[in-house]
Amino acid sequence: MVYDYACPECGKTFEGYNRVANRATHVCDCGATALLKFSIKPIQVTPVIHEFVERHFGPKPVLVRGRTHKRQLLKELGLVQTG
């Protein structure tokens, strides 16, 4: 996860990646041990996405049998694959 740290030596604040178990401290660029300032909350899925999934897919998962079937499902739902 990404956390915000503040260095007591140089006063710098920065973001750092760390495991949850090790989140309390992080090494600053100046070499001192920076302390956790506050945590950044992970992104949450909005209710609009849940409504879309329920409307188009229902409560059961969709089994995609292959690439052709995936393209067919996307076309039926009016979706476009990106990335």
C-alpha atoms as a PDB file:
ATOM      1  CA  MET A   1       0.000   0.000   0.000  1.00  0.00           C
ATOM      2  CA  VAL A   2       0.989   3.626  -0.358  1.00  0.00           C
ATOM      3  CA  TYR A   3       1.499   5.668   2.797  1.00  0.00           C
ATOM      4  CA  ASP A   4       2.504   9.262   3.534  1.00  0.00           C
ATOM      5  CA  TYR A   5       5.599   9.756   5.675  1.00  0.00           C
ATOM      6  CA  ALA A   6       7.153  12.765   7.410  1.00  0.00           C
ATOM      7  CA  CYS A   7      10.867  12.897   8.176  1.00  0.00           C
ATOM      8  CA  PRO A   8      11.704  14.459  11.568  1.00  0.00           C
ATOM      9  CA  GLU A   9      15.306  15.211  10.453  1.00  0.00           C
ATOM     10  CA  CYS A  10      14.839  17.117   7.175  1.00  0.00           C
ATOM     11  CA  GLY A  11      11.093  17.880   7.374  1.00  0.00           C
ATOM     12  CA  LYS A  12      10.360  16.242   4.024  1.00  0.00           C
ATOM     13  CA  THR A  13       6.964  14.595   3.450  1.00  0.00           C
ATOM     14  CA  PHE A  14       6.733  11.873   0.823  1.00  0.00           C
ATOM     15  CA  GLU A  15       4.785   8.829  -0.319  1.00  0.00           C
ATOM     16  CA  GLY A  16       6.264   5.399   0.158  1.00  0.00           C
ATOM     17  CA  TYR A  17       5.237   1.845  -0.673  1.00  0.00           C
ATOM     18  CA  ASN A  18       5.284  -0.475   2.300  1.00  0.00           C
ATOM     19  CA  ARG A  19       3.696  -3.634   3.643  1.00  0.00           C
ATOM     20  CA  VAL A  20       0.959  -3.140   6.195  1.00  0.00           C
ATOM     21  CA  ALA A  21       3.105  -4.807   8.869  1.00  0.00           C
ATOM     22  CA  ASN A  22       6.005  -2.389   8.160  1.00  0.00           C
ATOM     23  CA  ARG A  23       3.980   0.786   7.615  1.00  0.00           C
ATOM     24  CA  ALA A  24       5.072   2.636  10.785  1.00  0.00           C
ATOM     25  CA  THR A  25       8.458   3.742   9.387  1.00  0.00           C
ATOM     26  CA  HIS A  26      10.201   4.257   6.052  1.00  0.00           C
ATOM     27  CA  VAL A  27      13.727   5.369   5.178  1.00  0.00           C
ATOM     28  CA  CYS A  28      13.894   8.972   3.921  1.00  0.00           C
ATOM     29  CA  ASP A  29      16.238  10.128   1.128  1.00  0.00           C
ATOM     30  CA  CYS A  30      18.360  11.853   3.794  1.00  0.00           C
ATOM     31  CA  GLY A  31      18.906   8.468   5.478  1.00  0.00           C
ATOM     32  CA  ALA A  32      16.809   9.160   8.577  1.00  0.00           C
ATOM     33  CA  THR A  33      13.807   7.104   9.633  1.00  0.00           C
ATOM     34  CA  ALA A  34      10.587   8.818   8.574  1.00  0.00           C
ATOM     35  CA  LEU A  35       7.374   8.215  10.491  1.00  0.00           C
ATOM     36  CA  LEU A  36       3.933   7.386   9.157  1.00  0.00           C
ATOM     37  CA  LYS A  37       1.963  10.585   8.672  1.00  0.00           C
ATOM     38  CA  PHE A  38      -1.348   9.089   7.555  1.00  0.00           C
ATOM     39  CA  SER A  39      -2.479   6.300   5.285  1.00  0.00           C
ATOM     40  CA  ILE A  40      -4.045   6.700   1.855  1.00  0.00           C
ATOM     41  CA  LYS A  41      -7.280   4.776   1.490  1.00  0.00           C
ATOM     42  CA  PRO A  42      -7.512   2.271  -1.366  1.00  0.00           C
ATOM     43  CA  ILE A  43      -9.854   3.025  -4.254  1.00  0.00           C
ATOM     44  CA  GLN A  44     -13.353   1.679  -3.704  1.00  0.00           C
ATOM     45  CA  VAL A  45     -15.795   0.545  -6.368  1.00  0.00           C
ATOM     46  CA  THR A  46     -18.754   2.890  -6.646  1.00  0.00           C
ATOM     47  CA  PRO A  47     -22.341   1.635  -6.298  1.00  0.00           C
ATOM     48  CA  VAL A  48     -22.927   2.532  -9.971  1.00  0.00           C
ATOM     49  CA  ILE A  49     -20.610  -0.324 -11.006  1.00  0.00           C
ATOM     50  CA  HIS A  50     -22.503  -2.747  -8.768  1.00  0.00           C
ATOM     51  CA  GLU A  51     -25.816  -1.673 -10.344  1.00  0.00           C
ATOM     52  CA  PHE A  52     -24.350  -2.208 -13.828  1.00  0.00           C
ATOM     53  CA  VAL A  53     -23.076  -5.677 -12.945  1.00  0.00           C
ATOM     54  CA  GLU A  54     -26.384  -6.703 -11.349  1.00  0.00           C
ATOM     55  CA  ARG A  55     -28.395  -5.406 -14.316  1.00  0.00           C
ATOM     56  CA  HIS A  56     -26.268  -7.047 -17.016  1.00  0.00           C
ATOM     57  CA  PHE A  57     -24.884 -10.141 -15.346  1.00  0.00           C
ATOM     58  CA  GLY A  58     -27.189 -10.923 -12.422  1.00  0.00           C
ATOM     59  CA  PRO A  59     -26.019 -12.452  -9.156  1.00  0.00           C
ATOM     60  CA  LYS A  60     -24.296 -15.412 -10.837  1.00  0.00           C
ATOM     61  CA  PRO A  61     -20.844 -15.076 -12.448  1.00  0.00           C
ATOM     62  CA  VAL A  62     -20.563 -15.261 -16.237  1.00  0.00           C
ATOM     63  CA  LEU A  63     -18.519 -18.151 -17.603  1.00  0.00           C
ATOM     64  CA  VAL A  64     -16.466 -16.981 -20.585  1.00  0.00           C
ATOM     65  CA  ARG A  65     -15.593 -19.992 -22.731  1.00  0.00           C
ATOM     66  CA  GLY A  66     -12.951 -18.338 -24.888  1.00  0.00           C
ATOM     67  CA  ARG A  67     -11.893 -15.253 -26.815  1.00  0.00           C
ATOM     68  CA  THR A  68     -14.701 -15.492 -29.344  1.00  0.00           C
ATOM     69  CA  HIS A  69     -17.286 -15.880 -26.602  1.00  0.00           C
ATOM     70  CA  LYS A  70     -15.775 -12.900 -24.738  1.00  0.00           C
ATOM     71  CA  ARG A  71     -16.038 -10.720 -27.868  1.00  0.00           C
ATOM     72  CA  GLN A  72     -19.647 -11.869 -28.342  1.00  0.00           C
ATOM     73  CA  LEU A  73     -20.566 -10.999 -24.740  1.00  0.00           C
ATOM     74  CA  LEU A  74     -18.927  -7.582 -24.990  1.00  0.00           C
ATOM     75  CA  LYS A  75     -20.776  -6.855 -28.230  1.00  0.00           C
ATOM     76  CA  GLU A  76     -24.121  -7.943 -26.744  1.00  0.00           C
ATOM     77  CA  LEU A  77     -23.622  -5.618 -23.777  1.00  0.00           C
ATOM     78  CA  GLY A  78     -22.402  -2.718 -25.900  1.00  0.00           C
ATOM     79  CA  LEU A  79     -18.996  -2.737 -24.199  1.00  0.00           C
ATOM     80  CA  VAL A  80     -15.550  -2.133 -25.654  1.00  0.00           C
ATOM     81  CA  GLN A  81     -12.384  -3.815 -24.425  1.00  0.00           C
ATOM     82  CA  THR A  82      -9.547  -1.437 -23.581  1.00  0.00           C
ATOM     83  CA  GLY A  83      -5.962  -1.963 -22.606  1.00  0.00           C
END
